[in-house]
């Protein structure tokens, strides 16, 4: 499971069975939407909008950030 939307601008992946954090990654701005998954050329990616602001009061920005999952 992947989530974002924290004041520290990190996106985190968690083990769905144990809840243990698998990895964090810094976003340029706060994650502002649920992540989406897609496949391209046989590889799976997770993408999230990072626009900041909103109810968290963090700076505004404008980016989509994608991560490739390990093969």
C-alpha atoms as a PDB file:
ATOM      1  CA  UNK A   1       0.000   0.000   0.000  1.00  0.00           C
ATOM      2  CA  UNK A   2       1.279   3.491  -0.856  1.00  0.00           C
ATOM      3  CA  UNK A   3       0.136   6.712   0.790  1.00  0.00           C
ATOM      4  CA  UNK A   4       1.049  10.406   0.946  1.00  0.00           C
ATOM      5  CA  UNK A   5      -0.564  13.624   2.202  1.00  0.00           C
ATOM      6  CA  UNK A   6       1.685  14.303   5.194  1.00  0.00           C
ATOM      7  CA  UNK A   7       3.284  17.600   6.203  1.00  0.00           C
ATOM      8  CA  UNK A   8       6.779  16.148   5.711  1.00  0.00           C
ATOM      9  CA  UNK A   9       6.090  15.717   1.940  1.00  0.00           C
ATOM     10  CA  UNK A  10       6.939  12.029   2.018  1.00  0.00           C
ATOM     11  CA  UNK A  11       5.285   9.201   0.209  1.00  0.00           C
ATOM     12  CA  UNK A  12       5.468   5.867   1.985  1.00  0.00           C
ATOM     13  CA  UNK A  13       4.914   2.249   1.032  1.00  0.00           C
ATOM     14  CA  UNK A  14       3.703  -0.227   3.644  1.00  0.00           C
ATOM     15  CA  UNK A  15       3.544  -4.005   3.770  1.00  0.00           C
ATOM     16  CA  UNK A  16      -0.146  -4.861   3.483  1.00  0.00           C
ATOM     17  CA  UNK A  17       0.156  -7.810   5.885  1.00  0.00           C
ATOM     18  CA  UNK A  18       2.332  -6.388   8.673  1.00  0.00           C
ATOM     19  CA  UNK A  19       1.921  -2.629   8.309  1.00  0.00           C
ATOM     20  CA  UNK A  20       5.714  -2.236   8.337  1.00  0.00           C
ATOM     21  CA  UNK A  21       7.070   0.711   6.349  1.00  0.00           C
ATOM     22  CA  UNK A  22       8.901  -0.595   3.263  1.00  0.00           C
ATOM     23  CA  UNK A  23      10.253   2.706   1.932  1.00  0.00           C
ATOM     24  CA  UNK A  24       9.763   6.472   2.153  1.00  0.00           C
ATOM     25  CA  UNK A  25      10.383   8.898  -0.711  1.00  0.00           C
ATOM     26  CA  UNK A  26      10.467  12.691  -0.611  1.00  0.00           C
ATOM     27  CA  UNK A  27       8.014  14.530  -2.891  1.00  0.00           C
ATOM     28  CA  UNK A  28       8.625  18.093  -4.146  1.00  0.00           C
ATOM     29  CA  UNK A  29       5.336  19.179  -2.491  1.00  0.00           C
ATOM     30  CA  UNK A  30       2.723  17.471  -0.331  1.00  0.00           C
ATOM     31  CA  UNK A  31       0.947  14.565  -2.000  1.00  0.00           C
ATOM     32  CA  UNK A  32      -2.588  15.746  -2.703  1.00  0.00           C
ATOM     33  CA  UNK A  33      -4.374  12.760  -4.229  1.00  0.00           C
ATOM     34  CA  UNK A  34      -4.484   8.981  -3.902  1.00  0.00           C
ATOM     35  CA  UNK A  35      -1.767   7.252  -5.929  1.00  0.00           C
ATOM     36  CA  UNK A  36      -2.567   5.583  -9.235  1.00  0.00           C
ATOM     37  CA  UNK A  37      -0.909   2.529 -10.763  1.00  0.00           C
ATOM     38  CA  UNK A  38      -0.203   1.872 -14.431  1.00  0.00           C
ATOM     39  CA  UNK A  39       1.866  -0.461 -16.586  1.00  0.00           C
ATOM     40  CA  UNK A  40       4.107   0.523 -19.491  1.00  0.00           C
ATOM     41  CA  UNK A  41       6.361  -1.809 -21.477  1.00  0.00           C
ATOM     42  CA  UNK A  42       5.759  -4.608 -18.984  1.00  0.00           C
ATOM     43  CA  UNK A  43       6.778  -2.504 -15.949  1.00  0.00           C
ATOM     44  CA  UNK A  44       4.452  -1.289 -13.192  1.00  0.00           C
ATOM     45  CA  UNK A  45       4.547   2.321 -11.974  1.00  0.00           C
ATOM     46  CA  UNK A  46       2.901   4.253  -9.141  1.00  0.00           C
ATOM     47  CA  UNK A  47       2.176   7.950  -9.779  1.00  0.00           C
ATOM     48  CA  UNK A  48       0.884  10.678  -7.482  1.00  0.00           C
ATOM     49  CA  UNK A  49      -0.040  14.337  -7.836  1.00  0.00           C
ATOM     50  CA  UNK A  50       2.055  16.531  -5.532  1.00  0.00           C
ATOM     51  CA  UNK A  51       0.549  20.013  -5.388  1.00  0.00           C
ATOM     52  CA  UNK A  52       0.868  20.964  -1.713  1.00  0.00           C
ATOM     53  CA  UNK A  53      -1.338  23.488   0.050  1.00  0.00           C
ATOM     54  CA  UNK A  54      -4.921  22.595   0.835  1.00  0.00           C
ATOM     55  CA  UNK A  55      -5.890  21.831   4.445  1.00  0.00           C
ATOM     56  CA  UNK A  56      -2.324  21.001   5.477  1.00  0.00           C
ATOM     57  CA  UNK A  57      -1.189  24.585   4.916  1.00  0.00           C
ATOM     58  CA  UNK A  58       1.977  23.548   3.069  1.00  0.00           C
ATOM     59  CA  UNK A  59       3.456  25.524   0.134  1.00  0.00           C
ATOM     60  CA  UNK A  60       1.736  25.108  -3.242  1.00  0.00           C
ATOM     61  CA  UNK A  61       3.481  23.494  -6.204  1.00  0.00           C
ATOM     62  CA  UNK A  62       2.624  21.453  -9.270  1.00  0.00           C
ATOM     63  CA  UNK A  63       4.093  18.038 -10.062  1.00  0.00           C
ATOM     64  CA  UNK A  64       3.282  14.452 -10.883  1.00  0.00           C
ATOM     65  CA  UNK A  65       5.822  12.011  -9.471  1.00  0.00           C
ATOM     66  CA  UNK A  66       6.129   8.415 -10.705  1.00  0.00           C
ATOM     67  CA  UNK A  67       8.025   5.509  -9.180  1.00  0.00           C
ATOM     68  CA  UNK A  68       8.873   2.266 -10.986  1.00  0.00           C
ATOM     69  CA  UNK A  69       8.273  -0.893  -8.964  1.00  0.00           C
ATOM     70  CA  UNK A  70      11.053  -3.473  -8.815  1.00  0.00           C
ATOM     71  CA  UNK A  71      10.854  -6.225 -11.390  1.00  0.00           C
END
